[in-house]
PDB file of N, CA and C in Angstrom:
ATOM      1  N   MET A   1     -95.768  24.940-114.902  1.00  0.00           N
ATOM      2  CA  MET A   1     -95.121  23.511-115.187  1.00  0.00           C
ATOM      3  C   MET A   1     -94.655  23.537-113.927  1.00  0.00           C
ATOM      4  N   THR A   2     -95.048  22.218-113.244  1.00  0.00           N
ATOM      5  CA  THR A   2     -94.277  21.341-111.929  1.00  0.00           C
ATOM      6  C   THR A   2     -92.890  20.662-112.272  1.00  0.00           C
ATOM      7  N   LEU A   3     -92.698  20.206-111.121  1.00  0.00           N
ATOM      8  CA  LEU A   3     -91.025  19.214-111.449  1.00  0.00           C
ATOM      9  C   LEU A   3     -91.688  17.922-111.916  1.00  0.00           C
ATOM     10  N   GLU A   4     -92.754  17.398-111.358  1.00  0.00           N
ATOM     11  CA  GLU A   4     -93.299  16.275-111.696  1.00  0.00           C
ATOM     12  C   GLU A   4     -93.914  15.804-113.073  1.00  0.00           C
ATOM     13  N   PHE A   5     -94.159  16.980-113.501  1.00  0.00           N
ATOM     14  CA  PHE A   5     -94.116  17.030-115.501  1.00  0.00           C
ATOM     15  C   PHE A   5     -92.852  17.060-115.774  1.00  0.00           C
ATOM     16  N   LEU A   6     -91.858  18.251-115.228  1.00  0.00           N
ATOM     17  CA  LEU A   6     -90.474  18.082-115.720  1.00  0.00           C
ATOM     18  C   LEU A   6     -89.972  16.550-115.827  1.00  0.00           C
ATOM     19  N   ARG A   7     -90.218  16.061-114.944  1.00  0.00           N
ATOM     20  CA  ARG A   7     -89.356  14.312-114.459  1.00  0.00           C
ATOM     21  C   ARG A   7     -90.019  13.631-115.393  1.00  0.00           C
ATOM     22  N   GLN A   8     -91.018  13.396-116.087  1.00  0.00           N
ATOM     23  CA  GLN A   8     -91.807  12.632-116.905  1.00  0.00           C
ATOM     24  C   GLN A   8     -90.918  12.031-117.861  1.00  0.00           C
ATOM     25  N   PHE A   9     -90.230  12.731-118.301  1.00  0.00           N
ATOM     26  CA  PHE A   9     -89.898  12.502-119.796  1.00  0.00           C
ATOM     27  C   PHE A   9     -88.038  11.492-119.413  1.00  0.00           C
ATOM     28  N   ARG A  10     -88.330  10.793-119.949  1.00  0.00           N
ATOM     29  CA  ARG A  10     -87.285   9.337-119.236  1.00  0.00           C
ATOM     30  C   ARG A  10     -86.515   8.895-120.059  1.00  0.00           C
ATOM     31  N   LEU A  11     -85.536   8.588-119.963  1.00  0.00           N
ATOM     32  CA  LEU A  11     -84.296   8.160-121.016  1.00  0.00           C
ATOM     33  C   LEU A  11     -83.523   6.410-119.808  1.00  0.00           C
ATOM     34  N   TYR A  12     -84.045   5.801-120.911  1.00  0.00           N
ATOM     35  CA  TYR A  12     -84.231   4.291-119.737  1.00  0.00           C
ATOM     36  C   TYR A  12     -85.293   4.860-118.812  1.00  0.00           C
ATOM     37  N   ASN A  13     -84.537   4.281-117.181  1.00  0.00           N
ATOM     38  CA  ASN A  13     -85.390   4.737-116.452  1.00  0.00           C
ATOM     39  C   ASN A  13     -85.510   6.156-115.708  1.00  0.00           C
ATOM     40  N   TYR A  14     -84.170   6.887-116.372  1.00  0.00           N
ATOM     41  CA  TYR A  14     -83.644   7.939-115.416  1.00  0.00           C
ATOM     42  C   TYR A  14     -84.152   9.414-115.777  1.00  0.00           C
ATOM     43  N   ALA A  15     -84.605  10.360-114.812  1.00  0.00           N
ATOM     44  CA  ALA A  15     -85.260  11.559-115.742  1.00  0.00           C
ATOM     45  C   ALA A  15     -84.176  12.090-116.270  1.00  0.00           C
ATOM     46  N   ILE A  16     -84.916  12.852-117.585  1.00  0.00           N
ATOM     47  CA  ILE A  16     -83.918  13.842-118.387  1.00  0.00           C
ATOM     48  C   ILE A  16     -83.495  15.032-117.512  1.00  0.00           C
ATOM     49  N   PHE A  17     -84.707  15.804-116.696  1.00  0.00           N
ATOM     50  CA  PHE A  17     -84.128  16.512-116.578  1.00  0.00           C
ATOM     51  C   PHE A  17     -83.221  16.794-115.097  1.00  0.00           C
ATOM     52  N   ASP A  18     -83.276  15.502-114.693  1.00  0.00           N
ATOM     53  CA  ASP A  18     -82.174  15.531-113.659  1.00  0.00           C
ATOM     54  C   ASP A  18     -80.739  15.725-114.449  1.00  0.00           C
ATOM     55  N   PHE A  19     -80.540  15.020-115.424  1.00  0.00           N
ATOM     56  CA  PHE A  19     -79.374  14.899-115.466  1.00  0.00           C
ATOM     57  C   PHE A  19     -78.993  16.523-116.715  1.00  0.00           C
ATOM     58  N   VAL A  20     -80.026  17.456-116.870  1.00  0.00           N
ATOM     59  CA  VAL A  20     -79.538  18.398-117.705  1.00  0.00           C
ATOM     60  C   VAL A  20     -79.701  19.864-116.094  1.00  0.00           C
ATOM     61  N   VAL A  21     -80.167  18.860-115.297  1.00  0.00           N
ATOM     62  CA  VAL A  21     -80.376  20.278-113.686  1.00  0.00           C
ATOM     63  C   VAL A  21     -78.263  19.928-113.456  1.00  0.00           C
ATOM     64  N   SER A  22     -78.160  18.483-113.199  1.00  0.00           N
ATOM     65  CA  SER A  22     -76.984  18.120-112.410  1.00  0.00           C
ATOM     66  C   SER A  22     -75.539  18.435-113.776  1.00  0.00           C
ATOM     67  N   PHE A  23     -75.698  18.373-115.179  1.00  0.00           N
ATOM     68  CA  PHE A  23     -74.522  18.958-116.002  1.00  0.00           C
ATOM     69  C   PHE A  23     -74.809  20.136-115.807  1.00  0.00           C
ATOM     70  N   LEU A  24     -75.812  20.910-115.884  1.00  0.00           N
ATOM     71  CA  LEU A  24     -75.686  22.457-115.889  1.00  0.00           C
ATOM     72  C   LEU A  24     -75.144  22.620-114.602  1.00  0.00           C
ATOM     73  N   GLY A  25     -75.584  22.707-113.442  1.00  0.00           N
ATOM     74  CA  GLY A  25     -75.373  22.699-111.929  1.00  0.00           C
ATOM     75  C   GLY A  25     -73.388  22.911-112.121  1.00  0.00           C
ATOM     76  N   ILE A  26     -73.110  21.750-112.829  1.00  0.00           N
ATOM     77  CA  ILE A  26     -71.498  21.321-112.557  1.00  0.00           C
ATOM     78  C   ILE A  26     -70.598  22.637-113.624  1.00  0.00           C
ATOM     79  N   TYR A  27     -71.783  22.565-114.502  1.00  0.00           N
ATOM     80  CA  TYR A  27     -70.843  23.414-115.317  1.00  0.00           C
ATOM     81  C   TYR A  27     -70.203  24.728-115.039  1.00  0.00           C
ATOM     82  N   LEU A  28     -71.860  25.415-114.250  1.00  0.00           N
ATOM     83  CA  LEU A  28     -71.627  26.534-113.575  1.00  0.00           C
ATOM     84  C   LEU A  28     -70.992  26.672-112.550  1.00  0.00           C
ATOM     85  N   LEU A  29     -70.703  25.426-112.190  1.00  0.00           N
ATOM     86  CA  LEU A  29     -69.534  25.925-110.833  1.00  0.00           C
ATOM     87  C   LEU A  29     -68.663  25.430-110.960  1.00  0.00           C
ATOM     88  N   SER A  30     -68.205  25.075-112.251  1.00  0.00           N
ATOM     89  CA  SER A  30     -66.801  24.293-112.373  1.00  0.00           C
ATOM     90  C   SER A  30     -65.756  25.081-111.966  1.00  0.00           C
ATOM     91  N   PRO A  31     -65.883  26.187-112.484  1.00  0.00           N
ATOM     92  CA  PRO A  31     -64.770  27.531-112.439  1.00  0.00           C
ATOM     93  C   PRO A  31     -64.628  27.685-110.979  1.00  0.00           C
ATOM     94  N   PHE A  32     -65.613  27.798-110.243  1.00  0.00           N
ATOM     95  CA  PHE A  32     -65.780  27.767-108.448  1.00  0.00           C
ATOM     96  C   PHE A  32     -64.544  26.718-107.820  1.00  0.00           C
ATOM     97  N   LEU A  33     -64.929  25.478-108.674  1.00  0.00           N
ATOM     98  CA  LEU A  33     -64.526  24.256-107.831  1.00  0.00           C
ATOM     99  C   LEU A  33     -62.893  23.874-107.936  1.00  0.00           C
ATOM    100  N   SER A  34     -63.157  24.953-109.960  1.00  0.00           N
ATOM    101  CA  SER A  34     -61.525  24.361-110.104  1.00  0.00           C
ATOM    102  C   SER A  34     -60.691  25.494-109.161  1.00  0.00           C
ATOM    103  N   LYS A  35     -60.921  26.670-109.255  1.00  0.00           N
ATOM    104  CA  LYS A  35     -60.565  27.424-108.282  1.00  0.00           C
ATOM    105  C   LYS A  35     -59.998  27.280-106.846  1.00  0.00           C
ATOM    106  N   MET A  36     -61.373  26.449-106.115  1.00  0.00           N
ATOM    107  CA  MET A  36     -61.204  26.060-105.112  1.00  0.00           C
ATOM    108  C   MET A  36     -60.057  25.005-104.957  1.00  0.00           C
ATOM    109  N   PHE A  37     -60.036  23.803-105.681  1.00  0.00           N
ATOM    110  CA  PHE A  37     -58.575  22.885-106.038  1.00  0.00           C
ATOM    111  C   PHE A  37     -57.469  23.051-106.042  1.00  0.00           C
ATOM    112  N   LEU A  38     -57.539  24.161-106.309  1.00  0.00           N
ATOM    113  CA  LEU A  38     -55.710  24.707-106.718  1.00  0.00           C
ATOM    114  C   LEU A  38     -55.605  25.216-105.847  1.00  0.00           C
ATOM    115  N   LYS A  39     -56.363  26.070-104.931  1.00  0.00           N
ATOM    116  CA  LYS A  39     -55.750  26.166-103.170  1.00  0.00           C
ATOM    117  C   LYS A  39     -55.115  25.257-102.828  1.00  0.00           C
ATOM    118  N   ILE A  40     -55.377  23.736-102.819  1.00  0.00           N
ATOM    119  CA  ILE A  40     -55.345  22.904-101.837  1.00  0.00           C
ATOM    120  C   ILE A  40     -54.010  21.891-103.036  1.00  0.00           C
ATOM    121  N   ARG A  41     -53.833  22.375-104.026  1.00  0.00           N
ATOM    122  CA  ARG A  41     -52.578  22.437-105.093  1.00  0.00           C
ATOM    123  C   ARG A  41     -53.014  21.093-106.082  1.00  0.00           C
ATOM    124  N   ILE A  42     -54.256  20.906-106.211  1.00  0.00           N
ATOM    125  CA  ILE A  42     -55.149  20.564-107.263  1.00  0.00           C
ATOM    126  C   ILE A  42     -55.801  20.882-108.100  1.00  0.00           C
ATOM    127  N   ASP A  43     -54.819  20.703-109.584  1.00  0.00           N
ATOM    128  CA  ASP A  43     -55.271  20.722-110.812  1.00  0.00           C
ATOM    129  C   ASP A  43     -56.635  20.561-111.479  1.00  0.00           C
ATOM    130  N   ILE A  44     -57.642  20.661-111.306  1.00  0.00           N
ATOM    131  CA  ILE A  44     -58.900  20.043-111.950  1.00  0.00           C
ATOM    132  C   ILE A  44     -59.584  20.909-112.711  1.00  0.00           C
ATOM    133  N   PRO A  45     -59.064  20.378-114.676  1.00  0.00           N
ATOM    134  CA  PRO A  45     -59.487  21.167-115.804  1.00  0.00           C
ATOM    135  C   PRO A  45     -61.461  21.213-115.411  1.00  0.00           C
ATOM    136  N   LYS A  46     -61.833  22.550-115.566  1.00  0.00           N
ATOM    137  CA  LYS A  46     -63.116  22.219-116.104  1.00  0.00           C
ATOM    138  C   LYS A  46     -64.179  21.389-116.376  1.00  0.00           C
ATOM    139  N   LYS A  47     -63.411  20.645-117.569  1.00  0.00           N
ATOM    140  CA  LYS A  47     -64.033  19.971-118.359  1.00  0.00           C
ATOM    141  C   LYS A  47     -64.078  18.252-117.766  1.00  0.00           C
ATOM    142  N   ASN A  48     -62.796  18.270-116.688  1.00  0.00           N
ATOM    143  CA  ASN A  48     -63.164  17.098-116.466  1.00  0.00           C
ATOM    144  C   ASN A  48     -64.423  17.061-115.392  1.00  0.00           C
ATOM    145  N   TRP A  49     -64.524  18.203-115.151  1.00  0.00           N
ATOM    146  CA  TRP A  49     -66.246  18.276-113.661  1.00  0.00           C
ATOM    147  C   TRP A  49     -66.975  17.460-114.466  1.00  0.00           C
ATOM    148  N   LEU A  50     -67.070  17.806-115.573  1.00  0.00           N
ATOM    149  CA  LEU A  50     -68.128  17.015-116.395  1.00  0.00           C
ATOM    150  C   LEU A  50     -68.317  15.804-116.326  1.00  0.00           C
ATOM    151  N   PHE A  51     -67.081  15.108-116.555  1.00  0.00           N
ATOM    152  CA  PHE A  51     -67.163  14.044-116.750  1.00  0.00           C
ATOM    153  C   PHE A  51     -66.975  13.343-115.052  1.00  0.00           C
ATOM    154  N   LEU A  52     -66.766  13.387-114.570  1.00  0.00           N
ATOM    155  CA  LEU A  52     -67.170  13.156-112.861  1.00  0.00           C
ATOM    156  C   LEU A  52     -68.508  13.538-112.298  1.00  0.00           C
ATOM    157  N   THR A  53     -69.544  14.374-113.286  1.00  0.00           N
ATOM    158  CA  THR A  53     -70.462  14.551-112.889  1.00  0.00           C
ATOM    159  C   THR A  53     -71.467  13.537-112.273  1.00  0.00           C
ATOM    160  N   LEU A  54     -72.195  12.478-112.864  1.00  0.00           N
ATOM    161  CA  LEU A  54     -72.290  10.963-112.691  1.00  0.00           C
ATOM    162  C   LEU A  54     -71.727  10.347-111.479  1.00  0.00           C
ATOM    163  N   PRO A  55     -70.623  10.059-111.896  1.00  0.00           N
ATOM    164  CA  PRO A  55     -69.527   9.316-110.485  1.00  0.00           C
ATOM    165  C   PRO A  55     -69.917  10.244-109.218  1.00  0.00           C
ATOM    166  N   LEU A  56     -69.569  11.492-109.284  1.00  0.00           N
ATOM    167  CA  LEU A  56     -70.050  11.945-108.059  1.00  0.00           C
ATOM    168  C   LEU A  56     -71.351  12.344-107.056  1.00  0.00           C
ATOM    169  N   SER A  57     -72.037  11.897-108.184  1.00  0.00           N
ATOM    170  CA  SER A  57     -73.415  12.082-107.684  1.00  0.00           C
ATOM    171  C   SER A  57     -73.292  10.597-107.345  1.00  0.00           C
ATOM    172  N   ILE A  58     -73.593   9.775-107.802  1.00  0.00           N
ATOM    173  CA  ILE A  58     -73.668   7.885-107.283  1.00  0.00           C
ATOM    174  C   ILE A  58     -73.156   8.600-105.723  1.00  0.00           C
ATOM    175  N   ILE A  59     -71.388   8.961-105.702  1.00  0.00           N
ATOM    176  CA  ILE A  59     -70.588   9.044-104.239  1.00  0.00           C
ATOM    177  C   ILE A  59     -71.875   9.626-103.227  1.00  0.00           C
ATOM    178  N   ILE A  60     -72.209  10.584-103.841  1.00  0.00           N
ATOM    179  CA  ILE A  60     -72.856  11.511-102.853  1.00  0.00           C
ATOM    180  C   ILE A  60     -74.353  11.791-102.397  1.00  0.00           C
ATOM    181  N   HIS A  61     -74.997  10.870-103.536  1.00  0.00           N
ATOM    182  CA  HIS A  61     -76.873  10.162-102.955  1.00  0.00           C
ATOM    183  C   HIS A  61     -76.132   8.930-101.963  1.00  0.00           C
ATOM    184  N   ILE A  62     -74.813   7.992-102.194  1.00  0.00           N
ATOM    185  CA  ILE A  62     -74.956   6.896-101.337  1.00  0.00           C
ATOM    186  C   ILE A  62     -74.211   7.429 -99.918  1.00  0.00           C
ATOM    187  N   LEU A  63     -73.469   8.572 -99.784  1.00  0.00           N
ATOM    188  CA  LEU A  63     -73.488   9.511 -98.537  1.00  0.00           C
ATOM    189  C   LEU A  63     -74.498   9.533 -97.389  1.00  0.00           C
ATOM    190  N   VAL A  64     -74.838  10.885 -98.781  1.00  0.00           N
ATOM    191  CA  VAL A  64     -76.198  10.779 -97.962  1.00  0.00           C
ATOM    192  C   VAL A  64     -77.467  10.396 -97.571  1.00  0.00           C
ATOM    193  N   GLY A  65     -77.320   8.942 -97.937  1.00  0.00           N
ATOM    194  CA  GLY A  65     -78.801   7.954 -98.378  1.00  0.00           C
ATOM    195  C   GLY A  65     -79.914   8.188 -98.967  1.00  0.00           C
ATOM    196  N   ASN A  66     -79.523   9.161 -99.933  1.00  0.00           N
ATOM    197  CA  ASN A  66     -80.866   9.129-100.914  1.00  0.00           C
ATOM    198  C   ASN A  66     -80.544   8.228-102.048  1.00  0.00           C
ATOM    199  N   ILE A  67     -80.960   7.390-102.095  1.00  0.00           N
ATOM    200  CA  ILE A  67     -81.138   6.358-103.352  1.00  0.00           C
ATOM    201  C   ILE A  67     -81.864   6.491-104.176  1.00  0.00           C
ATOM    202  N   THR A  68     -81.598   6.962-105.548  1.00  0.00           N
ATOM    203  CA  THR A  68     -82.067   7.440-106.580  1.00  0.00           C
ATOM    204  C   THR A  68     -81.840   5.994-107.419  1.00  0.00           C
ATOM    205  N   PRO A  69     -83.011   6.072-108.539  1.00  0.00           N
ATOM    206  CA  PRO A  69     -82.979   5.226-109.729  1.00  0.00           C
ATOM    207  C   PRO A  69     -81.987   4.333-109.980  1.00  0.00           C
ATOM    208  N   MET A  70     -81.222   5.576-110.415  1.00  0.00           N
ATOM    209  CA  MET A  70     -79.727   5.233-110.871  1.00  0.00           C
ATOM    210  C   MET A  70     -78.643   4.962-109.731  1.00  0.00           C
ATOM    211  N   THR A  71     -78.681   5.327-108.480  1.00  0.00           N
ATOM    212  CA  THR A  71     -77.476   4.794-107.372  1.00  0.00           C
ATOM    213  C   THR A  71     -78.242   3.254-107.278  1.00  0.00           C
ATOM    214  N   ARG A  72     -79.522   2.981-107.200  1.00  0.00           N
ATOM    215  CA  ARG A  72     -79.840   1.822-106.842  1.00  0.00           C
ATOM    216  C   ARG A  72     -79.523   0.818-107.902  1.00  0.00           C
ATOM    217  N   ASP A  73     -79.488   1.237-109.235  1.00  0.00           N
ATOM    218  CA  ASP A  73     -79.218   0.390-110.228  1.00  0.00           C
ATOM    219  C   ASP A  73     -77.504  -0.486-110.317  1.00  0.00           C
ATOM    220  N   PHE A  74     -77.087   1.317-109.789  1.00  0.00           N
ATOM    221  CA  PHE A  74     -75.104   0.792-109.689  1.00  0.00           C
ATOM    222  C   PHE A  74     -74.686  -0.212-108.653  1.00  0.00           C
ATOM    223  N   LEU A  75     -76.094   0.031-107.585  1.00  0.00           N
ATOM    224  CA  LEU A  75     -75.487  -0.984-106.704  1.00  0.00           C
ATOM    225  C   LEU A  75     -76.135  -2.291-106.419  1.00  0.00           C
ATOM    226  N   ASP A  76     -76.622  -2.569-107.612  1.00  0.00           N
ATOM    227  CA  ASP A  76     -77.437  -4.218-107.943  1.00  0.00           C
ATOM    228  C   ASP A  76     -76.512  -4.820-108.275  1.00  0.00           C
ATOM    229  N   ILE A  77     -75.988  -5.734-107.369  1.00  0.00           N
ATOM    230  CA  ILE A  77     -74.369  -6.963-108.316  1.00  0.00           C
ATOM    231  C   ILE A  77     -75.370  -7.651-109.292  1.00  0.00           C
ATOM    232  N   HIS A  78     -76.367  -7.701-109.326  1.00  0.00           N
ATOM    233  CA  HIS A  78     -76.873  -8.830-110.387  1.00  0.00           C
ATOM    234  C   HIS A  78     -77.191  -8.200-111.772  1.00  0.00           C
ATOM    235  N   GLY A  79     -77.006  -6.937-111.959  1.00  0.00           N
ATOM    236  CA  GLY A  79     -77.019  -6.436-113.164  1.00  0.00           C
ATOM    237  C   GLY A  79     -76.992  -5.182-113.216  1.00  0.00           C
ATOM    238  N   HIS A  80     -77.201  -4.366-114.597  1.00  0.00           N
ATOM    239  CA  HIS A  80     -76.946  -2.740-114.804  1.00  0.00           C
ATOM    240  C   HIS A  80     -75.692  -2.758-115.203  1.00  0.00           C
ATOM    241  N   TYR A  81     -74.823  -3.690-115.631  1.00  0.00           N
ATOM    242  CA  TYR A  81     -73.644  -3.787-115.919  1.00  0.00           C
ATOM    243  C   TYR A  81     -73.143  -2.295-117.710  1.00  0.00           C
ATOM    244  N   VAL A  82     -74.032  -2.149-118.189  1.00  0.00           N
ATOM    245  CA  VAL A  82     -74.034  -1.237-119.032  1.00  0.00           C
ATOM    246  C   VAL A  82     -73.657   0.232-118.252  1.00  0.00           C
ATOM    247  N   LEU A  83     -74.546   0.612-117.455  1.00  0.00           N
ATOM    248  CA  LEU A  83     -74.356   1.507-116.256  1.00  0.00           C
ATOM    249  C   LEU A  83     -73.265   1.364-115.585  1.00  0.00           C
ATOM    250  N   LYS A  84     -72.506   0.618-115.141  1.00  0.00           N
ATOM    251  CA  LYS A  84     -71.595   0.488-113.988  1.00  0.00           C
ATOM    252  C   LYS A  84     -70.122   0.813-115.028  1.00  0.00           C
ATOM    253  N   VAL A  85     -70.307   0.255-116.747  1.00  0.00           N
ATOM    254  CA  VAL A  85     -69.259   0.171-117.086  1.00  0.00           C
ATOM    255  C   VAL A  85     -69.137   1.709-117.648  1.00  0.00           C
ATOM    256  N   VAL A  86     -70.222   2.752-118.059  1.00  0.00           N
ATOM    257  CA  VAL A  86     -70.707   4.002-118.183  1.00  0.00           C
ATOM    258  C   VAL A  86     -70.064   4.719-117.200  1.00  0.00           C
ATOM    259  N   LEU A  87     -70.481   4.240-115.930  1.00  0.00           N
ATOM    260  CA  LEU A  87     -69.471   5.200-114.995  1.00  0.00           C
ATOM    261  C   LEU A  87     -68.132   5.272-114.844  1.00  0.00           C
ATOM    262  N   PHE A  88     -67.901   3.702-114.896  1.00  0.00           N
ATOM    263  CA  PHE A  88     -66.078   3.564-114.824  1.00  0.00           C
ATOM    264  C   PHE A  88     -65.320   4.640-115.712  1.00  0.00           C
ATOM    265  N   VAL A  89     -66.110   4.602-117.140  1.00  0.00           N
ATOM    266  CA  VAL A  89     -65.247   5.474-118.013  1.00  0.00           C
ATOM    267  C   VAL A  89     -65.321   6.650-117.545  1.00  0.00           C
ATOM    268  N   LEU A  90     -66.675   7.179-117.168  1.00  0.00           N
ATOM    269  CA  LEU A  90     -66.473   8.746-117.016  1.00  0.00           C
ATOM    270  C   LEU A  90     -65.782   8.842-115.735  1.00  0.00           C
ATOM    271  N   LEU A  91     -66.000   8.066-114.652  1.00  0.00           N
ATOM    272  CA  LEU A  91     -64.599   8.368-114.208  1.00  0.00           C
ATOM    273  C   LEU A  91     -63.290   8.131-114.007  1.00  0.00           C
ATOM    274  N   ILE A  92     -62.602   7.486-114.719  1.00  0.00           N
ATOM    275  CA  ILE A  92     -61.366   7.347-115.550  1.00  0.00           C
ATOM    276  C   ILE A  92     -61.142   8.601-116.517  1.00  0.00           C
ATOM    277  N   LEU A  93     -61.920   9.303-117.533  1.00  0.00           N
ATOM    278  CA  LEU A  93     -62.050  10.065-117.984  1.00  0.00           C
ATOM    279  C   LEU A  93     -61.734  11.284-117.378  1.00  0.00           C
ATOM    280  N   GLY A  94     -62.199  11.579-116.254  1.00  0.00           N
ATOM    281  CA  GLY A  94     -62.598  12.615-115.211  1.00  0.00           C
ATOM    282  C   GLY A  94     -61.570  12.540-114.312  1.00  0.00           C
ATOM    283  N   LEU A  95     -60.783  11.646-114.134  1.00  0.00           N
ATOM    284  CA  LEU A  95     -59.469  11.554-113.213  1.00  0.00           C
ATOM    285  C   LEU A  95     -58.626  11.309-113.926  1.00  0.00           C
ATOM    286  N   LYS A  96     -58.355  11.501-115.143  1.00  0.00           N
ATOM    287  CA  LYS A  96     -57.261  11.549-116.270  1.00  0.00           C
ATOM    288  C   LYS A  96     -56.247  12.475-116.125  1.00  0.00           C
ATOM    289  N   GLY A  97     -57.174  13.937-116.656  1.00  0.00           N
ATOM    290  CA  GLY A  97     -56.364  15.340-116.528  1.00  0.00           C
ATOM    291  C   GLY A  97     -56.144  16.126-115.214  1.00  0.00           C
ATOM    292  N   ILE A  98     -56.348  15.751-114.366  1.00  0.00           N
ATOM    293  CA  ILE A  98     -56.231  16.107-112.618  1.00  0.00           C
ATOM    294  C   ILE A  98     -54.300  15.974-112.899  1.00  0.00           C
ATOM    295  N   LYS A  99     -53.725  17.159-112.123  1.00  0.00           N
ATOM    296  CA  LYS A  99     -52.279  17.364-111.747  1.00  0.00           C
ATOM    297  C   LYS A  99     -52.412  17.612-110.358  1.00  0.00           C
ATOM    298  N   ILE A 100     -51.398  16.976-109.435  1.00  0.00           N
ATOM    299  CA  ILE A 100     -50.930  18.009-108.467  1.00  0.00           C
ATOM    300  C   ILE A 100     -49.967  18.746-108.742  1.00  0.00           C
ATOM    301  N   VAL A 101     -50.075  19.838-108.377  1.00  0.00           N
ATOM    302  CA  VAL A 101     -49.122  21.228-108.822  1.00  0.00           C
ATOM    303  C   VAL A 101     -48.290  21.369-108.290  1.00  0.00           C
ATOM    304  N   ASN A 102     -46.948  22.113-108.446  1.00  0.00           N
ATOM    305  CA  ASN A 102     -46.521  22.703-107.335  1.00  0.00           C
ATOM    306  C   ASN A 102     -46.856  24.073-106.576  1.00  0.00           C
ATOM    307  N   LYS A 103     -46.224  23.688-105.534  1.00  0.00           N
ATOM    308  CA  LYS A 103     -46.723  25.166-104.580  1.00  0.00           C
ATOM    309  C   LYS A 103     -46.150  26.596-104.976  1.00  0.00           C
ATOM    310  N   LYS A 104     -45.213  26.241-106.061  1.00  0.00           N
ATOM    311  CA  LYS A 104     -44.982  27.718-106.435  1.00  0.00           C
ATOM    312  C   LYS A 104     -45.918  28.738-107.700  1.00  0.00           C
ATOM    313  N   LEU A 105     -46.168  27.398-108.186  1.00  0.00           N
ATOM    314  CA  LEU A 105     -47.125  27.934-109.176  1.00  0.00           C
ATOM    315  C   LEU A 105     -48.761  28.260-109.412  1.00  0.00           C
ATOM    316  N   ILE A 106     -49.027  28.837-107.789  1.00  0.00           N
ATOM    317  CA  ILE A 106     -50.233  28.987-107.219  1.00  0.00           C
ATOM    318  C   ILE A 106     -50.312  30.271-107.554  1.00  0.00           C
TER     319      ILE A 106
END
């Protein structure tokens, strides 16, 4: 089974395989990421990382210059408003539970 085969299954114009790998990766990394951010006094619950997966991936793809179909659609100023609303809602849900903690509690 090649990567090309796995990426052929799509939801709209986006490869389902990419979503699965992204969410699985964040799910596995979230305990480490939460502990890492707690050291700088930012408490990010593990579930919030899942909400932030797609918004962070858009930001990272823009920063590294890797324009994926979702990044291209997000940057399109003339359409794809449903995608933009979904990403905005995910961003709000992801930021909702983040807290700055007192240094004494760490």
